Amino acid sequence: MDKIKNVFDNVLQLIGNTPLIKLNRMTADFDGEFYAKVEAFNPGHSSKDRIALHIIEEAERQGILKPGDTIIETTSGNTGFSIAMVSIIKGYECILAVSSKSSADKIDMLRSMGAKVYVCPAHVNADDPRSYYQVAKRLHEEIKGSIYINQYFNQLNIDAHYNSTGPEIWEQTNGEITHLVACSGTGGTISGIAKYLKEQNSNVKIIGVDAYGSVLKKYHETREFDDKEIYPYRIEGLGKNLIPTATDFDVIDKFIKVTDEESAHTAREISNSEGLFVGYTSGAAMQALKQLNEEGEFKPTDKVVVIFPDHGSRYMSKVYSDKWMEDQGFFDSEKEVSTAIQYIK
């Protein structure tokens, strides 16, 4: 009997090979061609599926991770979801230390995937015992038979994207890509893709997106850590108050900063103009694209790829909530509040 076609043994086989989708309406007046690498098409709805699977399977190959062990990680939400998903399929316990800046939607999703979640205050120093970095380290020390993924300082974070996302983009653009624009948090995504693309064509320009309140842009330019750059900001999944070793600053050509407010509005604009329901960080990446175009970064012959890292469903209580947007002062007038819902009494 012939094997049934297009059937997968489990959800993990769907990770990777995400589509490259041409941006049309938002870039109609831009110089160049613009394409989004839409990572929400991964089964866990984000680019973090790639690193979760790669790091866990590498730990299995090395004999570090054994049946019944516990996987511990720090996460703003997406990595945690991906690790929880992989843990379910492979039979591991999952404990996640999460920043309180993560949306309620993300935290609820983590619990729904069977993870034990510790919510830690967002606006404390990285070495504070309450920070999600220190909480994860403490749990790893206390729990026998556990491994700590530690994505911020794990070379495998870079390797996952070097082995998958980078080659995919190169093939999808027929090697014609001229610019990559990607948000930088742990730095694994931008660094892994950049390393691969630069090996194929050293002229490909790599542009990182950073948040105001983060240290990454200044560190890239000066190689000095300046804690005066640090202050609270709202965007999840980009920027940092420390320097992750999973960021290879040498393969990034420059950084550009974006604001919380503009990134939130741009995320909503993507959904309403391109029909792509994407997350807050995707809004930040697209906002960077707008600013770069205004600065004259692109030529008509350029082919630009921007990474949209995750799905809009993770942000229903944030950027897609009119109340949250109002509470942040992101609406300049009442007219900007959505009027699409009409209640009939």
Protein backbone atom coordinates (compact mmCIF):
# COMPACT_ATOMS: atom_id res chain seq x y z
CA MET A 1 0.00 0.00 0.00
CA ASP A 2 1.35 3.44 -0.92
CA LYS A 3 2.23 5.76 1.93
CA ILE A 4 -0.24 8.59 2.46
CA LYS A 5 1.24 11.80 1.04
CA ASN A 6 1.83 15.09 2.86
CA VAL A 7 1.42 13.55 6.30
CA PHE A 8 3.93 14.37 9.04
CA ASP A 9 4.97 12.21 11.97
CA ASN A 10 4.68 15.14 14.38
CA VAL A 11 4.45 18.92 14.45
CA LEU A 12 8.24 19.37 14.68
CA GLN A 13 8.63 18.32 11.05
CA LEU A 14 6.86 21.55 10.05
CA ILE A 15 9.59 23.80 11.46
CA GLY A 16 11.40 25.93 8.88
CA ASN A 17 10.92 26.55 5.16
CA THR A 18 8.74 29.57 5.91
CA PRO A 19 7.54 31.68 2.97
CA LEU A 20 9.03 34.88 1.60
CA ILE A 21 6.11 37.20 0.85
CA LYS A 22 6.37 40.36 -1.25
CA LEU A 23 5.31 43.55 0.50
CA ASN A 24 3.15 45.65 -1.79
CA ARG A 25 1.00 48.42 -0.37
CA MET A 26 3.29 49.58 2.44
CA THR A 27 6.32 49.78 0.16
CA ALA A 28 4.60 51.10 -2.97
CA ASP A 29 6.52 54.39 -2.81
CA PHE A 30 9.82 52.86 -1.65
CA ASP A 31 12.89 52.38 -3.84
CA GLY A 32 13.57 48.67 -4.38
CA GLU A 33 11.70 45.40 -3.88
CA PHE A 34 10.75 44.33 -0.37
CA TYR A 35 10.00 40.85 0.96
CA ALA A 36 8.97 39.61 4.40
CA LYS A 37 10.27 36.33 5.78
CA VAL A 38 7.11 35.41 7.69
CA GLU A 39 8.17 33.22 10.60
CA ALA A 40 4.60 32.93 11.92
CA PHE A 41 4.25 30.04 9.45
CA ASN A 42 6.31 27.88 11.81
CA PRO A 43 4.04 25.56 13.86
CA GLY A 44 4.84 27.49 17.05
CA HIS A 45 4.14 30.74 15.17
CA SER A 46 7.64 32.22 15.57
CA SER A 47 11.26 32.01 14.49
CA LYS A 48 12.11 30.57 17.92
CA ASP A 49 10.91 27.12 16.82
CA ARG A 50 14.16 26.84 14.90
CA ILE A 51 16.46 27.40 17.88
CA ALA A 52 14.36 25.35 20.31
CA LEU A 53 14.52 22.26 18.11
CA HIS A 54 18.18 22.71 17.17
CA ILE A 55 19.45 23.31 20.72
CA ILE A 56 17.42 20.48 22.25
CA GLU A 57 18.41 17.95 19.58
CA GLU A 58 22.05 18.96 19.91
CA ALA A 59 21.82 18.41 23.69
CA GLU A 60 20.36 14.96 22.99
CA ARG A 61 23.18 14.14 20.55
CA GLN A 62 25.75 15.13 23.16
CA GLY A 63 24.07 13.06 25.85
CA ILE A 64 23.42 16.15 27.99
CA LEU A 65 19.64 15.72 27.82
CA LYS A 66 18.12 12.41 28.82
CA PRO A 67 14.53 11.06 29.02
CA GLY A 68 12.62 12.58 31.94
CA ASP A 69 14.95 15.59 32.27
CA THR A 70 13.75 19.18 32.72
CA ILE A 71 14.43 22.00 30.28
CA ILE A 72 14.75 25.50 31.78
CA GLU A 73 14.87 28.76 29.87
CA THR A 74 14.52 32.53 30.10
CA THR A 75 12.10 33.93 27.54
CA SER A 76 9.98 36.91 26.52
CA GLY A 77 7.44 34.31 25.44
CA ASN A 78 8.17 32.97 21.97
CA THR A 79 11.21 30.85 22.80
CA GLY A 80 9.33 29.46 25.78
CA PHE A 81 6.39 28.43 23.65
CA SER A 82 8.70 26.72 21.16
CA ILE A 83 10.60 24.90 23.91
CA ALA A 84 7.33 23.82 25.53
CA MET A 85 6.11 22.49 22.18
CA VAL A 86 9.31 20.52 21.57
CA SER A 87 9.28 19.27 25.18
CA ILE A 88 5.76 17.86 24.77
CA ILE A 89 6.73 15.87 21.68
CA LYS A 90 10.00 14.63 23.18
CA GLY A 91 8.72 13.97 26.71
CA TYR A 92 10.61 16.55 28.80
CA GLU A 93 9.44 18.76 31.65
CA CYS A 94 9.57 22.48 30.86
CA ILE A 95 10.14 25.41 33.26
CA LEU A 96 10.21 28.97 31.98
CA ALA A 97 11.31 32.23 33.61
CA VAL A 98 9.39 34.99 31.85
CA SER A 99 9.70 38.77 31.88
CA SER A 100 6.67 40.57 33.29
CA LYS A 101 6.81 42.68 30.11
CA SER A 102 5.53 39.66 28.18
CA SER A 103 1.89 39.95 27.19
CA ALA A 104 -0.76 38.08 29.16
CA ASP A 105 -1.54 36.21 25.94
CA LYS A 106 2.00 34.83 25.78
CA ILE A 107 2.02 33.78 29.43
CA ASP A 108 -1.36 32.03 29.08
CA MET A 109 -0.10 30.23 25.96
CA LEU A 110 2.96 28.97 27.85
CA ARG A 111 0.77 27.53 30.61
CA SER A 112 -1.54 25.97 28.04
CA MET A 113 1.46 24.11 26.60
CA GLY A 114 2.17 22.47 29.94
CA ALA A 115 5.05 24.70 31.04
CA LYS A 116 5.60 25.81 34.63
CA VAL A 117 5.99 29.59 34.42
CA TYR A 118 7.81 32.01 36.74
CA VAL A 119 6.93 35.65 35.96
CA CYS A 120 9.83 37.93 36.90
CA PRO A 121 9.97 41.75 37.11
CA ALA A 122 11.12 43.24 33.79
CA HIS A 123 12.78 46.43 34.94
CA VAL A 124 15.50 45.10 37.24
CA ASN A 125 19.21 44.69 36.51
CA ALA A 126 20.30 41.47 34.83
CA ASP A 127 22.26 40.46 37.95
CA ASP A 128 19.32 41.10 40.31
CA PRO A 129 18.23 37.78 41.89
CA ARG A 130 14.64 38.54 40.77
CA SER A 131 15.60 38.93 37.09
CA TYR A 132 14.51 36.14 34.79
CA TYR A 133 18.16 35.39 34.02
CA GLN A 134 18.99 34.78 37.70
CA VAL A 135 15.75 32.93 38.44
CA ALA A 136 16.46 30.48 35.60
CA LYS A 137 20.03 29.95 36.83
CA ARG A 138 18.82 29.30 40.38
CA LEU A 139 16.21 26.78 39.23
CA HIS A 140 18.82 24.99 37.12
CA GLU A 141 21.10 24.68 40.16
CA GLU A 142 18.25 23.43 42.35
CA ILE A 143 16.66 20.91 39.98
CA LYS A 144 18.58 17.70 39.39
CA GLY A 145 18.51 16.44 35.81
CA SER A 146 17.86 19.86 34.28
CA ILE A 147 19.49 21.78 31.47
CA TYR A 148 19.43 25.55 31.00
CA ILE A 149 19.08 26.56 27.32
CA ASN A 150 20.44 30.09 28.00
CA GLN A 151 19.66 31.41 24.51
CA TYR A 152 21.39 34.75 25.14
CA PHE A 153 24.77 33.09 25.54
CA ASN A 154 24.41 29.97 23.41
CA GLN A 155 26.30 29.66 20.12
CA LEU A 156 23.70 27.12 18.97
CA ASN A 157 21.22 30.02 18.80
CA ILE A 158 23.30 31.45 15.94
CA ASP A 159 23.93 28.03 14.39
CA ALA A 160 20.20 27.28 14.09
CA HIS A 161 19.68 30.27 11.80
CA TYR A 162 22.98 29.79 9.98
CA ASN A 163 21.87 26.27 9.09
CA SER A 164 18.26 27.03 8.16
CA THR A 165 16.98 30.60 7.84
CA GLY A 166 20.05 31.96 6.06
CA PRO A 167 20.13 29.28 3.32
CA GLU A 168 16.36 29.57 2.87
CA ILE A 169 16.56 33.33 2.23
CA TRP A 170 19.51 32.95 -0.13
CA GLU A 171 17.67 30.31 -2.15
CA GLN A 172 14.33 32.15 -2.11
CA THR A 173 15.93 35.34 -3.48
CA ASN A 174 18.10 33.44 -5.98
CA GLY A 175 21.09 35.02 -4.28
CA GLU A 176 19.91 38.51 -5.25
CA ILE A 177 19.27 39.83 -1.73
CA THR A 178 21.02 43.18 -1.10
CA HIS A 179 19.80 44.00 2.44
CA LEU A 180 18.60 42.08 5.49
CA VAL A 181 16.64 44.00 8.14
CA ALA A 182 16.02 42.13 11.40
CA CYS A 183 15.33 42.92 15.02
CA SER A 184 18.04 42.00 17.49
CA GLY A 185 17.26 40.63 20.95
CA THR A 186 19.35 37.58 21.78
CA GLY A 187 20.92 38.28 18.38
CA GLY A 188 20.78 34.68 17.22
CA THR A 189 18.43 35.29 14.31
CA ILE A 190 20.23 38.25 12.77
CA SER A 191 23.71 36.84 13.49
CA GLY A 192 23.08 33.37 12.06
CA ILE A 193 21.39 34.67 8.91
CA ALA A 194 24.03 37.38 8.46
CA LYS A 195 26.91 34.94 8.82
CA TYR A 196 25.50 32.73 6.07
CA LEU A 197 24.60 35.58 3.72
CA LYS A 198 27.97 37.31 4.15
CA GLU A 199 29.72 34.05 3.24
CA GLN A 200 27.75 33.96 0.00
CA ASN A 201 28.11 37.68 -0.78
CA SER A 202 30.03 39.99 1.53
CA ASN A 203 28.23 43.01 0.03
CA VAL A 204 24.85 42.04 1.51
CA LYS A 205 24.10 44.78 4.05
CA ILE A 206 22.89 43.62 7.47
CA ILE A 207 20.85 46.12 9.47
CA GLY A 208 19.81 45.42 13.05
CA VAL A 209 16.76 46.96 14.71
CA ASP A 210 17.11 48.11 18.31
CA ALA A 211 14.80 49.76 20.84
CA TYR A 212 15.23 53.04 22.66
CA GLY A 213 16.15 51.95 26.19
CA SER A 214 18.48 49.19 24.92
CA VAL A 215 22.29 49.10 24.85
CA LEU A 216 22.85 47.23 21.56
CA LYS A 217 23.18 50.08 19.04
CA LYS A 218 25.71 52.03 21.10
CA TYR A 219 27.67 48.88 21.91
CA HIS A 220 27.87 48.04 18.19
CA GLU A 221 29.24 51.51 17.44
CA THR A 222 31.64 51.89 20.39
CA ARG A 223 32.13 48.36 21.80
CA GLU A 224 31.41 49.92 25.18
CA PHE A 225 28.56 48.92 27.48
CA ASP A 226 26.75 52.06 28.63
CA ASP A 227 24.17 51.48 31.36
CA LYS A 228 22.99 55.07 30.92
CA GLU A 229 21.29 53.85 27.72
CA ILE A 230 19.01 51.59 29.74
CA TYR A 231 15.44 52.57 30.57
CA PRO A 232 12.07 50.78 30.38
CA TYR A 233 10.47 50.21 26.99
CA ARG A 234 7.47 48.23 25.81
CA ILE A 235 8.48 46.30 22.67
CA GLU A 236 9.04 42.62 23.35
CA GLY A 237 11.68 40.51 21.65
CA LEU A 238 14.27 43.12 20.71
CA GLY A 239 16.87 45.18 22.51
CA LYS A 240 18.69 44.21 25.68
CA ASN A 241 20.04 45.58 28.98
CA LEU A 242 23.10 43.32 28.64
CA ILE A 243 25.36 42.16 25.80
CA PRO A 244 24.39 38.66 24.61
CA THR A 245 27.27 36.55 23.29
CA ALA A 246 24.72 35.12 20.83
CA THR A 247 25.04 38.43 18.97
CA ASP A 248 27.90 38.57 16.46
CA PHE A 249 28.32 42.32 16.13
CA ASP A 250 31.01 41.89 13.47
CA VAL A 251 28.54 40.63 10.84
CA ILE A 252 26.05 43.46 11.44
CA ASP A 253 26.70 46.61 9.41
CA LYS A 254 24.60 49.02 11.43
CA PHE A 255 21.74 49.39 13.89
CA ILE A 256 18.70 51.63 13.74
CA LYS A 257 16.42 52.41 16.71
CA VAL A 258 12.64 52.52 16.67
CA THR A 259 10.10 53.78 19.20
CA ASP A 260 7.47 51.79 21.06
CA GLU A 261 4.63 53.92 19.71
CA GLU A 262 5.58 53.91 16.03
CA SER A 263 6.30 50.18 16.11
CA ALA A 264 2.87 49.47 17.62
CA HIS A 265 1.06 51.50 14.97
CA THR A 266 3.13 49.92 12.21
CA ALA A 267 2.25 46.41 13.40
CA ARG A 268 -1.42 47.32 13.08
CA GLU A 269 -0.75 48.86 9.67
CA ILE A 270 0.84 45.64 8.39
CA SER A 271 -2.29 43.71 9.30
CA ASN A 272 -4.58 46.26 7.66
CA SER A 273 -2.57 46.83 4.49
CA GLU A 274 -0.71 43.58 3.73
CA GLY A 275 -3.15 41.12 5.33
CA LEU A 276 -0.37 39.67 7.50
CA PHE A 277 -1.35 39.35 11.16
CA VAL A 278 2.03 39.84 12.78
CA GLY A 279 3.46 40.74 16.17
CA TYR A 280 4.88 43.83 17.86
CA THR A 281 8.45 42.99 16.85
CA SER A 282 7.40 42.68 13.22
CA GLY A 283 5.98 46.18 13.53
CA ALA A 284 9.36 47.34 14.82
CA ALA A 285 11.16 45.72 11.87
CA MET A 286 8.76 47.33 9.39
CA GLN A 287 9.09 50.70 11.13
CA ALA A 288 12.85 50.42 10.69
CA LEU A 289 12.28 49.76 6.99
CA LYS A 290 10.24 52.97 6.74
CA GLN A 291 12.96 54.99 8.46
CA LEU A 292 15.71 53.50 6.32
CA ASN A 293 13.78 54.35 3.17
CA GLU A 294 13.35 57.95 4.37
CA GLU A 295 17.12 58.09 4.94
CA GLY A 296 17.72 57.05 1.32
CA GLU A 297 19.20 53.66 2.22
CA PHE A 298 17.72 51.81 -0.75
CA LYS A 299 18.11 51.95 -4.54
CA PRO A 300 15.49 50.90 -7.13
CA THR A 301 17.51 47.77 -7.94
CA ASP A 302 17.75 46.58 -4.32
CA LYS A 303 16.06 43.43 -3.03
CA VAL A 304 15.42 43.77 0.68
CA VAL A 305 14.33 41.04 3.10
CA VAL A 306 12.80 41.93 6.47
CA ILE A 307 12.22 39.33 9.17
CA PHE A 308 8.71 39.22 10.65
CA PRO A 309 9.46 37.02 13.70
CA ASP A 310 6.06 36.09 15.12
CA HIS A 311 2.26 36.12 14.98
CA GLY A 312 -0.21 38.81 16.03
CA SER A 313 -2.17 36.42 18.25
CA ARG A 314 0.54 36.86 20.88
CA TYR A 315 -0.35 40.55 21.24
CA MET A 316 -4.14 40.69 21.49
CA SER A 317 -3.92 42.32 24.92
CA LYS A 318 -1.27 44.77 23.71
CA VAL A 319 -0.87 46.38 20.29
CA TYR A 320 -4.18 44.95 19.00
CA SER A 321 -6.07 46.20 22.05
CA ASP A 322 -7.42 49.73 21.68
CA LYS A 323 -7.55 50.04 25.46
CA TRP A 324 -3.87 49.13 25.83
CA MET A 325 -2.92 51.56 23.06
CA GLU A 326 -4.93 54.30 24.80
CA ASP A 327 -3.41 53.47 28.18
CA GLN A 328 0.10 53.87 26.70
CA GLY A 329 -0.85 57.24 25.20
CA PHE A 330 -0.37 55.84 21.69
CA PHE A 331 -3.59 57.32 20.31
CA ASP A 332 -3.30 61.03 19.55
CA SER A 333 -7.06 61.46 19.44
CA GLU A 334 -10.24 59.49 20.00
CA LYS A 335 -10.66 59.28 16.21
CA GLU A 336 -7.75 56.83 16.04
CA VAL A 337 -9.56 54.28 18.19
CA SER A 338 -10.99 51.42 16.14
CA THR A 339 -14.67 51.85 15.27
CA ALA A 340 -14.97 48.54 13.40
CA ILE A 341 -17.13 46.95 16.12
CA GLN A 342 -20.77 48.06 16.31
CA TYR A 343 -22.93 46.68 19.12
CA ILE A 344 -26.61 46.32 18.30
CA LYS A 345 -28.89 46.62 21.31
